Amino acid sequence: MANKEESVLDSRLRFVVDSGAVSSFPQAVQQDVDAALQEIHLLFQRETEAPLAELERKFRAWTRSHLQSGDIDQVAALATRAREEFLVLVTIGIGGSDLSARVFHDSFNHPYHNLLSVEERGGAPEVYFTGDTFDPCKLTGLLGMLKARNLLDKTLFNVISKSGTTTETMATLMVIGDALGDVNWRQHVLATTGLTTDSVLFRMHGQSPFYGNTLLPVPDGVGGRFSAFSPVGLFFLAMTAGKGETPDTRIRAAVEGVNQAHESFNLAYDHQDNIAYRLARWIHLSEEANGTKHSSKNTIVFYNYADSSCLGEWFAQLYTESIQERGGGANVINAKGPTSNHSILNGIIAGPRDKIVLFLHWEELGPDVRLPRETGMDSQLTEFEGLSMTHMQTASYRGTALDFGENGVSNATLTLPKRDIQSICQLMRLLMDTIAVKGRLQGLHLDNNGGGELTYLQDGVEGYKRNFRSFLEASEE
């Protein structure tokens, strides 16, 4: 994998792009994009001194989530208390309200978390998710299981909806409230919502308080897909702290990772360590540039080289709901290596050349395993004896990336040294910043009739909501 452009971010996160892929873009197009990036950087730099209210109005308050000490302290204190009172945590939400929690659970907790004893989990509760569908199968199964194990009254349900009207989520809450049965069921429910009377959950809390006689805020100016480092995501992260951790230490690790990305984003736009701008540049050129040696791409394969799908699901929502506007923006395919090498790789190599590939490569996945020696297996397999599985995973990634490059498939890699809280939170914030830059490159902040920056809106969902309600009004068969 020679001939790469590489940068190092605090010796933690690295970004590598095939130099051949960059050189194939027409020079004039690259110059135009670089000029646009310089102007975008100036616009974002002006925000550094702007009051929070201005960022809230622009839906960019998420850029300061890691600085909101009041929210952070409230989350840590409430999680510490709830861990003493409950044995189970159920997150009720959909989309941006639960995807970050799913990423945190998938990335930081034991893969068989719920099968461990409370002691083995370091005091963390069991974890379940619901509220993202009307399909009743898993919800009834969850409630039945909790009842059978006498855990229903030891379960905290964290319902997350800024408006309190998210239908899938609130329908689930109604069923759960009925299952809890007694007049104090709200003391088993923690609501994370907007702190205004526009929120149904806010109004319900005023009539009869939820758990802790408090609400966790979905802050103003923070959209769901940008809410991971607000109480929406941080409460789950804090609640599931394991052995050797506390809610506070987990939150501080997340904040440190976000802060690293935040500081790097404020470097010069063309600084080698300002990866968000470099990544946005590569994606935008791939989508938009045209020439005899380069055709535009309409698909990003997010190739996480780990046994994990949640991060890709989170990125797919972040990218497509933010960037697919005015008929533009790429699709995202969620892939994981090497699993996807046996499902979609042939299509990437031999199919239509409409894809670019963004790899996530992990130098350290966690505790390693070595294959035993003298296994007595066939001679074709003995060459693998004694090898580290992490080494084999890395070799698989390198072989795949090299194969793509040799076959003309443009690819880039984000390399993380560890699969830990600080690194992944740094990565997630970096990807949020990348989306912000990409939206500006597409001009999604311009000519929207004063309706706000399209990167942070999602008007396209209103049609299905209207049709859904119209069908509900018809008689149920």
Protein backbone atom coordinates (compact mmCIF):
# COMPACT_ATOMS: atom_id res chain seq x y z
CA MET A 1 0.00 0.00 0.00
CA ALA A 2 2.58 2.49 -1.14
CA ASN A 3 2.01 5.96 -2.55
CA LYS A 4 -0.33 7.14 0.18
CA GLU A 5 -1.06 10.54 1.65
CA GLU A 6 -1.06 10.20 5.40
CA SER A 7 -1.64 12.37 8.48
CA VAL A 8 -1.45 11.73 12.20
CA LEU A 9 -3.90 13.18 14.71
CA ASP A 10 -2.50 13.24 18.23
CA SER A 11 -0.86 9.87 17.45
CA ARG A 12 -4.33 8.38 17.67
CA LEU A 13 -6.26 8.68 14.42
CA ARG A 14 -4.77 8.49 10.94
CA PHE A 15 -6.26 9.10 7.51
CA VAL A 16 -4.82 7.56 4.36
CA VAL A 17 -6.01 8.06 0.79
CA ASP A 18 -4.70 6.46 -2.39
CA SER A 19 -2.58 9.08 -4.15
CA GLY A 20 -3.72 7.56 -7.43
CA ALA A 21 -7.33 8.29 -6.52
CA VAL A 22 -6.49 11.91 -5.75
CA SER A 23 -4.41 12.45 -8.88
CA SER A 24 -7.23 11.17 -11.09
CA PHE A 25 -9.40 14.16 -10.23
CA PRO A 26 -9.17 17.00 -12.78
CA GLN A 27 -6.81 19.69 -11.46
CA ALA A 28 -9.27 22.49 -12.10
CA VAL A 29 -11.94 20.69 -10.09
CA GLN A 30 -9.53 20.17 -7.18
CA GLN A 31 -8.66 23.87 -7.19
CA ASP A 32 -12.34 24.84 -7.10
CA VAL A 33 -12.99 22.50 -4.18
CA ASP A 34 -9.95 23.80 -2.28
CA ALA A 35 -11.14 27.38 -2.74
CA ALA A 36 -14.56 26.38 -1.40
CA LEU A 37 -12.97 24.63 1.58
CA GLN A 38 -11.02 27.75 2.47
CA GLU A 39 -14.22 29.81 2.50
CA ILE A 40 -16.08 27.14 4.51
CA HIS A 41 -13.29 27.11 7.07
CA LEU A 42 -13.58 30.86 7.50
CA LEU A 43 -17.34 30.56 8.07
CA PHE A 44 -16.90 27.87 10.69
CA GLN A 45 -14.08 29.77 12.39
CA ARG A 46 -16.44 32.68 12.97
CA GLU A 47 -18.60 30.34 15.05
CA THR A 48 -15.89 29.87 17.66
CA GLU A 49 -16.76 33.21 19.25
CA ALA A 50 -20.51 33.04 18.56
CA PRO A 51 -22.95 32.81 21.47
CA LEU A 52 -24.60 29.43 22.05
CA ALA A 53 -27.98 30.86 21.07
CA GLU A 54 -26.69 31.51 17.56
CA LEU A 55 -25.49 27.93 17.23
CA GLU A 56 -28.84 26.68 18.51
CA ARG A 57 -30.61 28.67 15.82
CA LYS A 58 -28.34 27.12 13.17
CA PHE A 59 -28.74 23.59 14.61
CA ARG A 60 -25.00 23.50 15.28
CA ALA A 61 -25.11 23.50 19.07
CA TRP A 62 -23.87 19.89 18.91
CA THR A 63 -20.40 21.30 18.28
CA ARG A 64 -20.35 22.40 21.94
CA SER A 65 -22.03 19.39 23.56
CA HIS A 66 -18.74 18.38 25.19
CA LEU A 67 -18.54 21.80 26.87
CA GLN A 68 -21.99 21.71 28.52
CA SER A 69 -20.83 20.89 32.05
CA GLY A 70 -24.31 21.24 33.53
CA ASP A 71 -25.77 18.56 31.29
CA ILE A 72 -22.73 16.33 31.78
CA ASP A 73 -22.82 16.58 35.57
CA GLN A 74 -26.55 15.87 35.61
CA VAL A 75 -26.07 12.73 33.50
CA ALA A 76 -23.25 11.42 35.69
CA ALA A 77 -25.19 12.00 38.91
CA LEU A 78 -28.42 10.48 37.62
CA ALA A 79 -26.65 7.44 36.19
CA THR A 80 -24.78 6.86 39.44
CA ARG A 81 -28.07 6.92 41.36
CA ALA A 82 -29.98 4.77 38.87
CA ARG A 83 -27.29 2.06 38.87
CA GLU A 84 -27.99 1.58 42.58
CA GLU A 85 -31.76 1.29 42.09
CA PHE A 86 -32.22 -0.74 38.89
CA LEU A 87 -30.92 -4.00 37.47
CA VAL A 88 -32.07 -3.46 33.88
CA LEU A 89 -31.90 -0.51 31.48
CA VAL A 90 -34.21 -0.40 28.45
CA THR A 91 -33.64 2.35 25.89
CA ILE A 92 -36.83 3.36 24.06
CA GLY A 93 -36.06 5.33 20.91
CA ILE A 94 -35.61 5.30 17.17
CA GLY A 95 -33.05 6.73 14.76
CA GLY A 96 -30.82 9.37 16.32
CA SER A 97 -32.46 8.73 19.69
CA ASP A 98 -30.99 5.26 20.07
CA LEU A 99 -28.31 4.66 17.42
CA SER A 100 -25.50 6.23 19.45
CA ALA A 101 -26.41 4.11 22.48
CA ARG A 102 -26.34 1.04 20.26
CA VAL A 103 -22.87 2.02 19.05
CA PHE A 104 -21.66 2.47 22.63
CA HIS A 105 -23.10 -0.88 23.70
CA ASP A 106 -21.66 -2.68 20.69
CA SER A 107 -18.25 -1.05 21.05
CA PHE A 108 -17.54 -0.78 24.78
CA ASN A 109 -19.55 -3.43 26.61
CA HIS A 110 -18.84 -7.15 26.81
CA PRO A 111 -20.26 -8.91 23.73
CA TYR A 112 -22.31 -11.14 26.03
CA HIS A 113 -23.04 -8.38 28.52
CA ASN A 114 -26.47 -9.59 29.61
CA LEU A 115 -25.27 -13.13 30.32
CA LEU A 116 -22.74 -11.93 32.90
CA SER A 117 -23.54 -11.55 36.58
CA VAL A 118 -23.96 -8.08 38.06
CA GLU A 119 -20.53 -8.47 39.66
CA GLU A 120 -18.94 -9.51 36.36
CA ARG A 121 -20.53 -6.48 34.70
CA GLY A 122 -19.04 -4.19 37.34
CA GLY A 123 -22.46 -3.15 38.62
CA ALA A 124 -23.85 -2.25 35.20
CA PRO A 125 -27.47 -3.17 34.45
CA GLU A 126 -28.64 -5.55 31.77
CA VAL A 127 -29.31 -3.68 28.51
CA TYR A 128 -32.16 -3.89 25.98
CA PHE A 129 -33.51 -1.69 23.17
CA THR A 130 -37.07 -1.16 21.94
CA GLY A 131 -39.34 1.53 20.51
CA ASP A 132 -38.03 1.49 16.92
CA THR A 133 -40.87 -0.47 15.28
CA PHE A 134 -44.57 -1.32 15.53
CA ASP A 135 -43.75 -5.02 15.15
CA PRO A 136 -44.87 -6.32 18.56
CA CYS A 137 -42.78 -9.51 18.62
CA LYS A 138 -39.66 -8.31 20.43
CA LEU A 139 -41.55 -5.90 22.71
CA THR A 140 -43.88 -8.60 24.00
CA GLY A 141 -40.94 -10.94 24.30
CA LEU A 142 -38.98 -8.37 26.30
CA LEU A 143 -41.82 -7.63 28.70
CA GLY A 144 -42.63 -11.33 29.10
CA MET A 145 -39.01 -12.13 29.88
CA LEU A 146 -38.72 -9.32 32.44
CA LYS A 147 -41.95 -10.42 34.14
CA ALA A 148 -40.93 -14.08 34.24
CA ARG A 149 -37.62 -13.17 35.88
CA ASN A 150 -39.27 -10.74 38.34
CA LEU A 151 -37.26 -7.86 36.87
CA LEU A 152 -40.00 -5.59 35.56
CA ASP A 153 -40.14 -3.50 38.73
CA LYS A 154 -36.32 -3.36 38.73
CA THR A 155 -36.12 -1.94 35.21
CA LEU A 156 -35.50 1.68 34.20
CA PHE A 157 -37.01 2.64 30.86
CA ASN A 158 -35.22 5.59 29.23
CA VAL A 159 -37.65 7.04 26.69
CA ILE A 160 -35.98 9.43 24.24
CA SER A 161 -37.92 11.81 21.99
CA LYS A 162 -37.35 15.53 21.64
CA SER A 163 -40.98 16.20 20.72
CA GLY A 164 -42.52 13.39 22.72
CA THR A 165 -44.62 12.58 19.65
CA THR A 166 -42.37 10.05 17.89
CA THR A 167 -45.07 7.50 17.19
CA GLU A 168 -43.05 4.29 17.34
CA THR A 169 -41.43 5.38 20.59
CA MET A 170 -44.56 6.68 22.30
CA ALA A 171 -46.66 3.68 21.29
CA THR A 172 -44.05 1.48 22.95
CA LEU A 173 -44.10 3.65 26.07
CA MET A 174 -47.89 3.26 26.29
CA VAL A 175 -47.57 -0.53 26.20
CA ILE A 176 -44.81 -0.47 28.82
CA GLY A 177 -46.79 1.85 31.09
CA ASP A 178 -49.74 -0.54 30.90
CA ALA A 179 -47.48 -3.51 31.66
CA LEU A 180 -46.06 -1.77 34.73
CA GLY A 181 -49.63 -1.39 35.82
CA ASP A 182 -49.52 0.65 39.01
CA VAL A 183 -50.08 4.38 39.48
CA ASN A 184 -46.35 4.95 40.01
CA TRP A 185 -45.22 3.51 36.66
CA ARG A 186 -43.62 6.82 35.71
CA GLN A 187 -41.04 6.31 38.45
CA HIS A 188 -39.69 3.50 36.25
CA VAL A 189 -39.36 5.87 33.29
CA LEU A 190 -36.62 8.42 32.68
CA ALA A 191 -37.58 10.87 29.94
CA THR A 192 -35.00 12.52 27.68
CA THR A 193 -36.78 15.25 25.74
CA GLY A 194 -37.03 18.91 24.84
CA LEU A 195 -37.45 21.13 27.88
CA THR A 196 -40.36 23.18 26.55
CA THR A 197 -44.13 22.77 26.49
CA ASP A 198 -43.83 21.77 22.83
CA SER A 199 -42.79 18.34 24.11
CA VAL A 200 -45.53 15.91 25.14
CA LEU A 201 -43.10 14.26 27.55
CA PHE A 202 -42.35 17.63 29.13
CA ARG A 203 -46.07 18.23 29.66
CA MET A 204 -46.58 14.71 31.06
CA HIS A 205 -43.75 15.30 33.51
CA GLY A 206 -45.44 18.46 34.72
CA GLN A 207 -48.61 16.50 35.47
CA SER A 208 -46.90 13.53 37.12
CA PRO A 209 -43.09 13.41 37.35
CA PHE A 210 -40.91 10.77 35.76
CA TYR A 211 -37.99 9.06 37.54
CA GLY A 212 -35.83 11.27 39.69
CA ASN A 213 -38.35 14.11 39.44
CA THR A 214 -36.25 15.39 36.57
CA LEU A 215 -35.89 15.35 32.82
CA LEU A 216 -32.74 14.88 30.77
CA PRO A 217 -32.57 17.44 27.98
CA VAL A 218 -32.36 16.96 24.26
CA PRO A 219 -30.63 20.33 23.92
CA ASP A 220 -31.87 23.08 21.64
CA GLY A 221 -30.05 23.16 18.33
CA VAL A 222 -29.00 19.49 18.52
CA GLY A 223 -30.62 17.18 15.98
CA GLY A 224 -31.05 13.50 16.73
CA ARG A 225 -28.27 12.24 14.48
CA PHE A 226 -25.86 14.73 16.08
CA SER A 227 -26.91 13.99 19.68
CA ALA A 228 -24.45 11.25 20.70
CA PHE A 229 -22.54 13.51 23.11
CA SER A 230 -25.58 15.12 24.67
CA PRO A 231 -27.59 13.34 27.40
CA VAL A 232 -29.21 11.31 24.59
CA GLY A 233 -26.09 9.16 24.27
CA LEU A 234 -24.10 9.96 27.39
CA PHE A 235 -26.67 8.59 29.84
CA PHE A 236 -26.45 5.12 28.31
CA LEU A 237 -22.66 5.34 28.23
CA ALA A 238 -22.58 6.28 31.91
CA MET A 239 -25.14 3.69 33.02
CA THR A 240 -23.21 0.78 31.52
CA ALA A 241 -19.81 1.52 33.04
CA GLY A 242 -18.08 -1.79 33.74
CA LYS A 243 -15.31 -3.08 35.95
CA GLY A 244 -12.66 -0.48 36.70
CA GLU A 245 -14.95 2.29 35.39
CA THR A 246 -17.46 4.73 36.79
CA PRO A 247 -20.11 6.82 35.02
CA ASP A 248 -17.82 9.81 35.46
CA THR A 249 -14.69 8.16 34.03
CA ARG A 250 -16.62 6.96 30.99
CA ILE A 251 -18.03 10.39 30.30
CA ARG A 252 -14.62 12.03 30.73
CA ALA A 253 -13.08 9.60 28.22
CA ALA A 254 -15.82 10.44 25.72
CA VAL A 255 -15.41 14.18 26.25
CA GLU A 256 -11.65 13.92 25.79
CA GLY A 257 -12.11 12.12 22.47
CA VAL A 258 -14.62 14.71 21.27
CA ASN A 259 -12.35 17.52 22.37
CA GLN A 260 -9.46 16.07 20.36
CA ALA A 261 -11.60 16.08 17.22
CA HIS A 262 -12.93 19.56 18.03
CA GLU A 263 -9.43 21.01 18.34
CA SER A 264 -8.28 19.37 15.12
CA PHE A 265 -11.30 20.75 13.25
CA ASN A 266 -10.16 24.25 14.19
CA LEU A 267 -6.75 23.78 12.58
CA ALA A 268 -6.17 25.31 9.15
CA TYR A 269 -8.44 23.70 6.58
CA ASP A 270 -5.45 22.31 4.67
CA HIS A 271 -3.53 21.16 7.76
CA GLN A 272 -2.57 17.50 7.47
CA ASP A 273 -4.20 16.76 10.82
CA ASN A 274 -7.54 18.39 9.97
CA ILE A 275 -8.94 15.07 8.84
CA ALA A 276 -12.58 16.17 8.65
CA TYR A 277 -11.75 18.58 5.82
CA ARG A 278 -9.53 16.06 4.03
CA LEU A 279 -12.16 13.34 4.24
CA ALA A 280 -14.94 15.67 3.08
CA ARG A 281 -12.72 16.77 0.19
CA TRP A 282 -12.10 13.19 -0.98
CA ILE A 283 -15.77 12.22 -0.72
CA HIS A 284 -16.95 15.36 -2.49
CA LEU A 285 -14.46 15.02 -5.34
CA SER A 286 -15.46 11.39 -5.73
CA GLU A 287 -19.15 12.31 -5.91
CA GLU A 288 -18.90 15.41 -8.04
CA ALA A 289 -15.78 15.29 -10.22
CA ASN A 290 -16.06 14.21 -13.84
CA GLY A 291 -13.38 13.65 -16.42
CA THR A 292 -11.95 11.13 -18.80
CA LYS A 293 -10.13 9.31 -15.99
CA HIS A 294 -12.76 9.70 -13.32
CA SER A 295 -16.52 9.28 -13.22
CA SER A 296 -18.73 10.40 -10.34
CA LYS A 297 -19.62 7.92 -7.59
CA ASN A 298 -22.97 7.57 -5.91
CA THR A 299 -22.18 4.99 -3.19
CA ILE A 300 -19.88 4.99 -0.16
CA VAL A 301 -19.05 1.57 1.26
CA PHE A 302 -18.39 2.11 4.97
CA TYR A 303 -16.10 -0.87 5.54
CA ASN A 304 -15.59 -1.28 9.27
CA TYR A 305 -12.88 -3.90 9.65
CA ALA A 306 -14.27 -5.30 12.90
CA ASP A 307 -17.09 -7.59 13.97
CA SER A 308 -19.46 -4.67 14.40
CA SER A 309 -22.40 -3.26 12.43
CA CYS A 310 -23.81 -0.54 14.71
CA LEU A 311 -21.21 2.10 13.87
CA GLY A 312 -21.99 1.65 10.18
CA GLU A 313 -25.73 1.94 10.86
CA TRP A 314 -25.08 5.17 12.76
CA PHE A 315 -22.94 6.57 9.92
CA ALA A 316 -25.49 5.56 7.28
CA GLN A 317 -28.14 7.63 9.03
CA LEU A 318 -25.75 10.52 9.68
CA TYR A 319 -24.68 10.72 6.06
CA THR A 320 -27.82 9.98 4.09
CA GLU A 321 -30.24 12.05 6.19
CA SER A 322 -27.83 14.98 6.18
CA ILE A 323 -26.31 15.00 2.70
CA GLN A 324 -28.96 13.54 0.41
CA GLU A 325 -30.72 16.77 -0.51
CA ARG A 326 -31.73 18.51 -3.74
CA GLY A 327 -31.21 15.29 -5.66
CA GLY A 328 -27.56 14.92 -4.59
CA GLY A 329 -25.52 12.95 -2.10
CA ALA A 330 -24.29 9.37 -2.09
CA ASN A 331 -25.86 6.24 -0.66
CA VAL A 332 -24.04 4.40 2.15
CA ILE A 333 -23.56 0.64 2.29
CA ASN A 334 -22.73 -0.68 5.76
CA ALA A 335 -20.06 -3.38 5.50
CA LYS A 336 -17.75 -5.15 7.91
CA GLY A 337 -14.53 -6.92 7.17
CA PRO A 338 -13.76 -9.60 6.47
CA THR A 339 -17.40 -10.77 6.71
CA SER A 340 -18.47 -8.61 3.77
CA ASN A 341 -15.61 -9.96 1.66
CA HIS A 342 -17.79 -13.04 1.36
CA SER A 343 -20.98 -11.16 0.44
CA ILE A 344 -20.44 -7.89 -1.44
CA LEU A 345 -16.76 -7.75 -2.40
CA ASN A 346 -17.29 -9.33 -5.81
CA GLY A 347 -19.81 -6.63 -6.65
CA ILE A 348 -17.36 -3.90 -5.66
CA ILE A 349 -14.61 -5.37 -7.83
CA ALA A 350 -16.61 -6.70 -10.76
CA GLY A 351 -19.80 -4.64 -10.65
CA PRO A 352 -20.58 -1.06 -11.66
CA ARG A 353 -17.82 1.43 -10.84
CA ASP A 354 -20.10 3.68 -8.83
CA LYS A 355 -18.53 3.09 -5.40
CA ILE A 356 -15.80 4.42 -3.18
CA VAL A 357 -14.70 2.55 -0.06
CA LEU A 358 -13.94 4.08 3.34
CA PHE A 359 -12.17 1.55 5.57
CA LEU A 360 -11.99 1.65 9.35
CA HIS A 361 -8.86 -0.18 10.45
CA TRP A 362 -8.21 -0.97 14.11
CA GLU A 363 -4.64 -1.57 15.20
CA GLU A 364 -5.83 -3.04 18.51
CA LEU A 365 -9.23 -4.71 18.73
CA GLY A 366 -8.92 -5.77 22.35
CA PRO A 367 -7.57 -8.95 24.01
CA ASP A 368 -5.89 -10.97 21.27
CA VAL A 369 -5.98 -14.68 20.50
CA ARG A 370 -3.24 -16.76 18.87
CA LEU A 371 -3.93 -19.83 16.84
CA PRO A 372 -2.46 -22.95 18.49
CA ARG A 373 0.59 -24.72 17.11
CA GLU A 374 0.89 -28.36 16.10
CA THR A 375 -2.83 -28.66 15.43
CA GLY A 376 -2.46 -31.74 13.29
CA MET A 377 -4.60 -30.16 10.57
CA ASP A 378 -4.03 -30.32 6.84
CA SER A 379 -0.73 -28.94 5.55
CA GLN A 380 -2.62 -26.15 3.76
CA LEU A 381 -3.57 -24.77 7.18
CA THR A 382 -0.34 -25.18 9.14
CA GLU A 383 1.03 -21.86 7.82
CA PHE A 384 -1.53 -20.12 10.06
CA GLU A 385 -0.48 -21.89 13.25
CA GLY A 386 0.77 -19.56 15.96
CA LEU A 387 -0.49 -16.40 14.26
CA SER A 388 -2.32 -13.62 16.10
CA MET A 389 -5.92 -13.16 15.00
CA THR A 390 -5.45 -9.37 15.15
CA HIS A 391 -2.51 -9.79 12.78
CA MET A 392 -4.69 -11.90 10.49
CA GLN A 393 -7.45 -9.27 10.61
CA THR A 394 -4.94 -6.58 9.65
CA ALA A 395 -3.54 -8.71 6.84
CA SER A 396 -7.08 -9.23 5.55
CA TYR A 397 -7.75 -5.46 5.59
CA ARG A 398 -4.47 -4.69 3.81
CA GLY A 399 -5.05 -7.34 1.21
CA THR A 400 -8.57 -6.07 0.55
CA ALA A 401 -7.51 -2.42 0.28
CA LEU A 402 -4.63 -3.32 -2.04
CA ASP A 403 -6.93 -5.39 -4.23
CA PHE A 404 -9.39 -2.51 -4.50
CA GLY A 405 -6.61 -0.10 -5.45
CA GLU A 406 -5.18 -2.45 -8.07
CA ASN A 407 -8.65 -2.82 -9.58
CA GLY A 408 -9.30 0.92 -9.73
CA VAL A 409 -11.69 1.11 -6.76
CA SER A 410 -10.95 4.38 -4.96
CA ASN A 411 -10.50 3.79 -1.23
CA ALA A 412 -9.32 5.57 1.89
CA THR A 413 -8.67 4.43 5.45
CA LEU A 414 -9.26 5.84 8.90
CA THR A 415 -6.94 3.98 11.28
CA LEU A 416 -7.62 3.91 15.02
CA PRO A 417 -5.07 2.50 17.46
CA LYS A 418 -7.65 1.13 19.90
CA ARG A 419 -11.32 0.24 20.10
CA ASP A 420 -11.86 2.33 23.21
CA ILE A 421 -14.18 5.14 24.29
CA GLN A 422 -11.80 8.00 23.59
CA SER A 423 -10.88 6.82 20.09
CA ILE A 424 -14.40 5.97 18.95
CA CYS A 425 -15.90 9.19 20.29
CA GLN A 426 -13.13 11.11 18.53
CA LEU A 427 -14.01 9.25 15.35
CA MET A 428 -17.74 9.92 15.67
CA ARG A 429 -17.24 13.64 16.21
CA LEU A 430 -14.79 13.74 13.29
CA LEU A 431 -17.45 12.15 11.06
CA MET A 432 -20.02 14.70 12.24
CA ASP A 433 -17.63 17.49 11.29
CA THR A 434 -17.00 15.81 7.94
CA ILE A 435 -20.74 15.89 7.26
CA ALA A 436 -20.87 19.58 8.19
CA VAL A 437 -18.11 20.39 5.68
CA LYS A 438 -19.62 18.15 2.99
CA GLY A 439 -22.98 19.87 3.38
CA ARG A 440 -21.34 23.25 2.85
CA LEU A 441 -19.51 21.94 -0.23
CA GLN A 442 -22.91 20.98 -1.65
CA GLY A 443 -24.26 24.43 -0.82
CA LEU A 444 -26.88 23.06 1.55
CA HIS A 445 -26.61 26.23 3.63
CA LEU A 446 -27.66 28.40 0.68
CA ASP A 447 -30.99 29.38 -0.87
CA ASN A 448 -33.31 27.53 1.46
CA ASN A 449 -35.77 30.42 1.77
CA GLY A 450 -34.62 31.16 5.29
CA GLY A 451 -35.56 27.66 6.43
CA GLY A 452 -32.19 26.72 7.89
CA GLU A 453 -29.26 24.65 6.71
CA LEU A 454 -30.49 21.55 4.88
CA THR A 455 -27.69 19.44 6.36
CA TYR A 456 -29.52 19.50 9.69
CA LEU A 457 -33.10 19.18 8.45
CA GLN A 458 -35.07 16.17 7.20
CA ASP A 459 -38.20 17.48 5.54
CA GLY A 460 -38.45 14.36 3.40
CA VAL A 461 -39.94 12.34 6.25
CA GLU A 462 -43.11 14.41 6.53
CA GLY A 463 -44.90 12.65 3.68
CA TYR A 464 -44.77 9.21 5.23
CA LYS A 465 -45.94 10.63 8.54
CA ARG A 466 -49.00 12.23 6.93
CA ASN A 467 -49.88 9.06 5.05
CA PHE A 468 -49.35 6.95 8.15
CA ARG A 469 -51.82 9.03 10.12
CA SER A 470 -54.36 9.00 7.30
CA PHE A 471 -54.32 5.20 7.25
CA LEU A 472 -54.69 5.11 11.03
CA GLU A 473 -57.88 7.13 10.71
CA ALA A 474 -59.40 4.41 8.55
CA SER A 475 -61.20 1.59 10.35
CA GLU A 476 -58.85 -1.11 11.60
CA GLU A 477 -59.58 -4.37 9.82
